[in-house]
Protein backbone atom coordinates (compact mmCIF):
# COMPACT_ATOMS: atom_id res chain seq x y z
CA UNK A 1 -29.55 -0.55 16.22
CA UNK A 2 -28.71 0.41 12.51
CA UNK A 3 -31.37 -0.78 9.70
CA UNK A 4 -29.37 -1.47 6.61
CA UNK A 5 -32.66 -0.72 5.09
CA UNK A 6 -31.84 2.93 5.02
CA UNK A 7 -28.44 2.73 3.73
CA UNK A 8 -29.22 5.81 1.23
CA UNK A 9 -29.17 8.20 4.59
CA UNK A 10 -26.07 6.43 6.09
CA UNK A 11 -22.87 8.32 6.92
CA UNK A 12 -19.73 7.39 5.20
CA UNK A 13 -18.45 5.58 8.60
CA UNK A 14 -21.57 3.53 8.67
CA UNK A 15 -21.11 2.24 5.15
CA UNK A 16 -17.83 1.28 5.86
CA UNK A 17 -18.95 -0.50 8.63
CA UNK A 18 -21.56 -2.40 6.16
CA UNK A 19 -18.57 -3.14 4.12
CA UNK A 20 -17.01 -4.46 7.17
CA UNK A 21 -19.31 -6.57 8.21
CA UNK A 22 -20.58 -8.58 5.19
CA UNK A 23 -16.76 -9.13 4.42
CA UNK A 24 -16.74 -10.69 7.46
CA UNK A 25 -19.58 -13.06 7.30
CA UNK A 26 -18.38 -13.88 3.80
CA UNK A 27 -14.68 -14.89 5.24
CA UNK A 28 -16.39 -16.86 7.88
CA UNK A 29 -18.63 -18.80 5.80
CA UNK A 30 -15.85 -19.77 3.53
CA UNK A 31 -14.99 -22.78 5.26
CA UNK A 32 -16.14 -26.35 4.81
CA UNK A 33 -16.38 -27.83 8.63
CA UNK A 34 -14.67 -31.09 9.15
CA UNK A 35 -13.39 -32.99 12.28
CA UNK A 36 -10.28 -31.09 12.50
CA UNK A 37 -12.16 -27.69 12.41
CA UNK A 38 -15.85 -28.07 12.92
CA UNK A 39 -16.09 -24.18 12.15
CA UNK A 40 -19.88 -24.14 11.92
CA UNK A 41 -22.35 -20.61 11.29
CA UNK A 42 -25.79 -19.91 10.99
CA UNK A 43 -27.75 -16.42 11.35
CA UNK A 44 -27.51 -16.28 15.23
CA UNK A 45 -24.03 -17.40 15.86
CA UNK A 46 -22.79 -14.61 13.38
CA UNK A 47 -24.63 -12.56 14.97
CA UNK A 48 -23.25 -13.03 18.37
CA UNK A 49 -19.61 -13.15 16.89
CA UNK A 50 -19.79 -10.06 15.09
CA UNK A 51 -21.49 -7.95 18.10
CA UNK A 52 -18.02 -8.05 19.64
CA UNK A 53 -16.64 -6.06 16.97
CA UNK A 54 -19.46 -3.52 17.57
CA UNK A 55 -20.57 -0.74 20.05
CA UNK A 56 -23.73 -0.92 21.62
CA UNK A 57 -25.73 0.82 19.32
CA UNK A 58 -24.35 -0.98 16.20
CA UNK A 59 -24.78 -4.67 17.31
CA UNK A 60 -27.15 -6.48 14.92
CA UNK A 61 -29.13 -8.97 15.27
CA UNK A 62 -29.74 -12.43 13.18
CA UNK A 63 -32.65 -10.67 10.80
CA UNK A 64 -29.98 -8.21 10.00
CA UNK A 65 -27.45 -10.71 9.09
CA UNK A 66 -29.90 -12.59 6.58
CA UNK A 67 -30.16 -8.83 5.11
CA UNK A 68 -26.39 -8.88 4.76
CA UNK A 69 -26.34 -12.20 3.40
CA UNK A 70 -29.28 -11.20 0.85
CA UNK A 71 -28.41 -8.21 -0.10
CA UNK A 72 -24.58 -7.92 -0.15
CA UNK A 73 -23.38 -11.01 -0.69
CA UNK A 74 -25.91 -13.11 -3.07
CA UNK A 75 -27.34 -10.22 -5.13
CA UNK A 76 -24.36 -7.96 -5.17
CA UNK A 77 -21.32 -10.07 -5.37
CA UNK A 78 -23.39 -13.10 -7.04
CA UNK A 79 -22.01 -15.31 -4.39
CA UNK A 80 -24.36 -18.17 -3.25
CA UNK A 81 -25.10 -19.29 0.02
CA UNK A 82 -25.59 -22.58 0.91
CA UNK A 83 -28.78 -22.29 3.37
CA UNK A 84 -30.61 -25.57 2.79
CA UNK A 85 -34.01 -26.30 5.10
CA UNK A 86 -33.02 -28.24 8.23
CA UNK A 87 -29.32 -27.58 8.08
CA UNK A 88 -27.96 -26.23 11.36
CA UNK A 89 -25.02 -23.86 9.34
CA UNK A 90 -24.25 -21.93 6.57
CA UNK A 91 -21.71 -22.34 3.73
CA UNK A 92 -20.33 -20.92 0.64
CA UNK A 93 -22.22 -23.11 -2.33
CA UNK A 94 -19.25 -22.69 -4.58
CA UNK A 95 -15.72 -21.87 -4.99
CA UNK A 96 -15.45 -18.13 -5.68
CA UNK A 97 -13.79 -16.95 -9.09
CA UNK A 98 -10.16 -16.13 -8.43
CA UNK A 99 -9.84 -12.67 -9.66
CA UNK A 100 -13.33 -11.92 -7.40
CA UNK A 101 -11.64 -14.05 -4.65
CA UNK A 102 -8.36 -11.27 -4.91
CA UNK A 103 -10.55 -8.63 -5.06
CA UNK A 104 -12.14 -9.58 -1.93
CA UNK A 105 -9.24 -10.35 -0.03
CA UNK A 106 -7.52 -6.91 -1.39
CA UNK A 107 -10.45 -5.15 0.43
CA UNK A 108 -10.88 -7.00 3.60
CA UNK A 109 -7.23 -6.76 4.37
CA UNK A 110 -8.00 -3.44 5.25
CA UNK A 111 -10.12 -4.05 7.78
CA UNK A 112 -8.38 -7.49 9.23
CA UNK A 113 -4.44 -6.54 8.56
CA UNK A 114 -2.33 -4.31 10.48
CA UNK A 115 0.16 -2.87 7.72
CA UNK A 116 2.08 -0.74 9.52
CA UNK A 117 4.45 -0.01 6.56
CA UNK A 118 1.77 1.27 4.51
CA UNK A 119 0.43 3.05 7.00
CA UNK A 120 3.76 4.83 7.83
CA UNK A 121 4.21 5.57 4.15
CA UNK A 122 0.48 6.96 3.49
CA UNK A 123 1.36 9.26 6.57
CA UNK A 124 4.79 10.37 5.12
CA UNK A 125 3.16 11.42 2.12
CA UNK A 126 0.32 13.17 3.63
CA UNK A 127 2.93 15.11 5.77
CA UNK A 128 4.81 16.19 2.91
CA UNK A 129 1.33 17.07 0.88
CA UNK A 130 -0.73 18.28 3.73
CA UNK A 131 -3.08 20.54 1.50
CA UNK A 132 -3.38 18.59 -1.25
CA UNK A 133 -2.35 14.67 -0.90
CA UNK A 134 -5.60 13.47 -1.90
CA UNK A 135 -6.24 15.38 -4.89
CA UNK A 136 -2.40 14.39 -6.03
CA UNK A 137 -3.63 10.58 -5.53
CA UNK A 138 -6.96 11.04 -7.61
CA UNK A 139 -5.97 13.87 -9.95
CA UNK A 140 -2.90 11.34 -11.19
CA UNK A 141 -5.67 8.29 -11.30
CA UNK A 142 -7.78 10.13 -13.68
CA UNK A 143 -4.76 11.89 -15.71
CA UNK A 144 -3.66 8.33 -16.38
CA UNK A 145 -7.36 7.52 -17.45
CA UNK A 146 -7.49 10.47 -19.84
CA UNK A 147 -4.58 10.19 -21.37
CA UNK A 148 -3.01 13.38 -20.01
CA UNK A 149 0.69 14.08 -19.54
CA UNK A 150 1.73 15.81 -15.96
CA UNK A 151 5.07 18.07 -15.40
CA UNK A 152 6.55 17.69 -11.65
CA UNK A 153 9.18 19.18 -10.04
CA UNK A 154 11.05 16.30 -8.69
CA UNK A 155 14.38 16.00 -6.58
CA UNK A 156 16.74 12.92 -7.15
CA UNK A 157 18.80 10.98 -4.82
CA UNK A 158 21.33 13.32 -4.98
CA UNK A 159 19.66 16.51 -4.39
CA UNK A 160 19.72 17.38 -8.16
CA UNK A 161 15.89 19.32 -8.56
CA UNK A 162 14.52 18.87 -12.07
CA UNK A 163 11.53 21.31 -12.85
CA UNK A 164 8.69 21.36 -15.31
CA UNK A 165 9.78 17.58 -16.00
CA UNK A 166 7.00 16.25 -18.20
CA UNK A 167 6.00 12.42 -17.65
CA UNK A 168 3.76 9.70 -18.35
CA UNK A 169 1.86 8.51 -15.13
CA UNK A 170 1.58 5.14 -15.07
CA UNK A 171 -0.08 4.43 -11.28
CA UNK A 172 0.91 4.75 -7.32
CA UNK A 173 2.58 1.54 -6.32
CA UNK A 174 4.01 0.35 -2.83
CA UNK A 175 7.34 -0.76 -3.07
CA UNK A 176 10.03 -1.78 -0.12
CA UNK A 177 9.95 1.40 2.07
CA UNK A 178 8.54 3.62 -0.21
CA UNK A 179 5.66 4.79 -2.23
CA UNK A 180 6.33 5.53 -5.70
CA UNK A 181 4.86 6.82 -8.61
CA UNK A 182 5.60 4.70 -11.91
CA UNK A 183 6.04 6.56 -15.02
CA UNK A 184 7.26 7.01 -18.83
CA UNK A 185 9.89 9.40 -19.39
CA UNK A 186 8.62 10.33 -22.93
CA UNK A 187 11.92 12.11 -24.24
CA UNK A 188 14.11 9.34 -23.11
CA UNK A 189 11.38 6.38 -23.41
CA UNK A 190 12.66 4.90 -19.98
CA UNK A 191 10.00 3.34 -17.49
CA UNK A 192 11.01 5.23 -13.71
CA UNK A 193 10.08 4.68 -10.44
CA UNK A 194 9.70 8.29 -8.65
CA UNK A 195 9.27 8.62 -4.87
CA UNK A 196 6.00 10.18 -4.65
CA UNK A 197 6.94 12.37 -1.21
CA UNK A 198 9.41 14.40 -4.01
CA UNK A 199 7.07 15.14 -6.21
CA UNK A 200 6.13 18.82 -6.20
CA UNK A 201 4.21 21.40 -8.47
CA UNK A 202 1.98 19.09 -10.46
CA UNK A 203 0.52 20.51 -13.79
CA UNK A 204 -1.86 18.32 -15.75
CA UNK A 205 -1.53 18.65 -19.60
CA UNK A 206 -4.36 19.06 -22.11
CA UNK A 207 -5.41 15.80 -23.42
CA UNK A 208 -3.39 15.25 -27.14
CA UNK A 209 -4.62 11.73 -28.57
CA UNK A 210 -1.45 12.16 -30.26
CA UNK A 211 0.67 11.68 -27.37
CA UNK A 212 -1.35 8.56 -25.75
CA UNK A 213 0.82 5.77 -24.18
CA UNK A 214 0.11 2.08 -22.91
CA UNK A 215 0.14 1.60 -18.80
CA UNK A 216 2.03 -1.81 -18.68
CA UNK A 217 1.01 -3.78 -15.38
CA UNK A 218 3.21 -3.93 -12.53
CA UNK A 219 3.55 -7.02 -12.80
CA UNK A 220 5.56 -6.55 -16.18
CA UNK A 221 7.53 -3.57 -15.04
CA UNK A 222 8.79 -5.42 -11.49
CA UNK A 223 8.74 -9.00 -12.68
CA UNK A 224 12.55 -8.73 -12.07
CA UNK A 225 12.82 -6.86 -9.50
CA UNK A 226 12.91 -7.37 -5.62
CA UNK A 227 12.77 -3.23 -4.82
CA UNK A 228 11.24 -0.44 -7.55
CA UNK A 229 14.35 -0.77 -9.87
CA UNK A 230 12.16 -1.78 -12.72
CA UNK A 231 13.07 -4.32 -15.48
CA UNK A 232 11.64 -2.77 -18.50
CA UNK A 233 14.49 0.12 -18.75
CA UNK A 234 17.04 -2.01 -17.12
CA UNK A 235 19.21 -4.65 -17.93
CA UNK A 236 18.64 -7.94 -16.16
CA UNK A 237 20.98 -11.05 -14.92
CA UNK A 238 20.80 -14.55 -15.28
CA UNK A 239 21.99 -15.72 -11.51
CA UNK A 240 22.45 -19.31 -9.77
CA UNK A 241 22.71 -19.32 -5.92
CA UNK A 242 23.78 -22.55 -3.78
CA UNK A 243 22.63 -22.30 -0.17
CA UNK A 244 22.32 -24.96 2.84
CA UNK A 245 18.79 -26.16 4.38
CA UNK A 246 19.44 -23.94 7.60
CA UNK A 247 18.73 -20.81 5.61
CA UNK A 248 16.47 -22.43 2.64
CA UNK A 249 13.27 -20.94 4.06
CA UNK A 250 14.74 -17.33 4.49
CA UNK A 251 16.32 -17.48 1.37
CA UNK A 252 13.46 -18.51 -0.85
CA UNK A 253 10.87 -16.49 1.31
CA UNK A 254 13.43 -13.40 -0.41
CA UNK A 255 13.62 -14.53 -4.03
CA UNK A 256 9.65 -15.74 -3.85
CA UNK A 257 8.27 -12.79 -6.29
CA UNK A 258 11.35 -13.89 -9.00
CA UNK A 259 9.53 -17.32 -9.49
CA UNK A 260 13.29 -19.20 -8.88
CA UNK A 261 13.56 -22.50 -10.04
CA UNK A 262 14.92 -24.48 -6.95
CA UNK A 263 16.68 -27.73 -7.00
CA UNK A 264 17.58 -29.88 -4.09
CA UNK A 265 21.26 -31.06 -4.31
CA UNK A 266 22.46 -33.40 -1.28
CA UNK A 267 22.60 -30.96 1.32
CA UNK A 268 22.39 -27.74 -0.68
CA UNK A 269 19.68 -26.29 -2.73
CA UNK A 270 20.35 -24.24 -5.80
CA UNK A 271 17.94 -21.43 -7.38
CA UNK A 272 18.04 -20.23 -11.09
CA UNK A 273 16.24 -16.64 -12.06
CA UNK A 274 16.49 -13.57 -13.65
CA UNK A 275 17.02 -10.48 -11.75
CA UNK A 276 17.42 -6.50 -12.64
CA UNK A 277 18.39 -5.04 -9.19
CA UNK A 278 21.16 -7.66 -8.56
CA UNK A 279 23.37 -5.12 -6.45
CA UNK A 280 20.65 -5.30 -4.12
CA UNK A 281 20.71 -8.82 -3.92
CA UNK A 282 24.05 -8.86 -3.32
CA UNK A 283 23.79 -7.15 -0.23
CA UNK A 284 20.85 -9.05 1.16
CA UNK A 285 23.04 -12.14 0.82
CA UNK A 286 25.75 -10.33 2.98
CA UNK A 287 24.21 -11.34 5.90
CA UNK A 288 23.74 -15.04 5.26
CA UNK A 289 27.66 -15.89 5.33
CA UNK A 290 28.97 -18.69 4.03
CA UNK A 291 25.67 -20.29 4.04
CA UNK A 292 25.11 -18.79 0.63
CA UNK A 293 27.14 -18.39 -2.38
CA UNK A 294 26.72 -16.95 -5.90
CA UNK A 295 27.79 -19.40 -8.75
CA UNK A 296 26.74 -17.84 -11.76
CA UNK A 297 27.52 -15.70 -13.40
CA UNK A 298 30.89 -15.15 -12.88
CA UNK A 299 30.73 -11.17 -13.07
CA UNK A 300 28.22 -11.50 -9.90
CA UNK A 301 31.12 -13.48 -7.89
CA UNK A 302 33.51 -10.76 -8.99
CA UNK A 303 30.93 -8.08 -7.85
CA UNK A 304 30.09 -9.96 -4.46
CA UNK A 305 33.75 -10.13 -3.84
CA UNK A 306 34.78 -6.65 -4.32
CA UNK A 307 31.83 -5.39 -2.09
CA UNK A 308 32.98 -7.46 0.45
CA UNK A 309 36.45 -6.71 0.44
CA UNK A 310 35.52 -2.67 0.29
CA UNK A 311 33.49 -3.49 3.52
CA UNK A 312 36.56 -5.42 5.06
CA UNK A 313 38.99 -2.63 4.64
CA UNK A 314 37.31 -0.39 6.51
CA UNK A 315 37.40 -2.75 9.57
CA UNK A 316 41.12 -3.88 8.93
CA UNK A 317 42.09 0.15 9.05
CA UNK A 318 40.63 -0.10 12.56
CA UNK A 319 43.68 0.28 15.07
């Protein structure tokens, strides 16, 4: 059985297990029992439940659970746990600060959410850079902090290879089906989304304070985009859609990151929003058929009509 008081000698895997355990405890205690869900926990019941996720030599007793709560949740995270004397269960004694809660949730998700897309993208990135994938991630991360420009070799969608390309990196980001490096091209002033797998021959420049740059938050770069197509260096369009109730949930899920204004009008809904990657949206709307219609602007209606006519022309030529 592991003694968490000896954590200075623990292996990296054991330290990850410690993080996983105390996040499990915190998650289970973030619930106020009621008649519909009378989920109550004390140190003994928490130890029993967590034992189901442990190997025999890792199982914790109730005293270890108490130590986890004291050391990691109350002392390090500064989250109070209500453990009144005579009370048969514990619960979090306060609402967790939203920023802290988001940080915790992002970390906890790595243990309890199966993200196959993310895993596949990381695996693909590792396969394309088997000898230095971690170095690329870490060195570019610190190049941003140090405000060092980098030079890369990059292969575009068309297969064109650009060598010695100097850029100002922002951060790596998952969008859609790729891992991207968001960066600034100082020569053009454009914000870029470069597919990480295609980056080669990275060179870190010396620090030059005269060439420092601001790193915008990802929410700003992609706030009007469904994909990695950014809305900082590209034109956005105000669009209004009409759609039926039968596809409303699906359409609104697709548009959720764009924060549309939605109005219920009779048997239909309308959504108004701003978007940069409008051609991608048109491709998505094709699958809804007559249940979705672009109302505005006229130019986007024409774009949609042209896309549909081009697709239809292929099948009309079939004998």
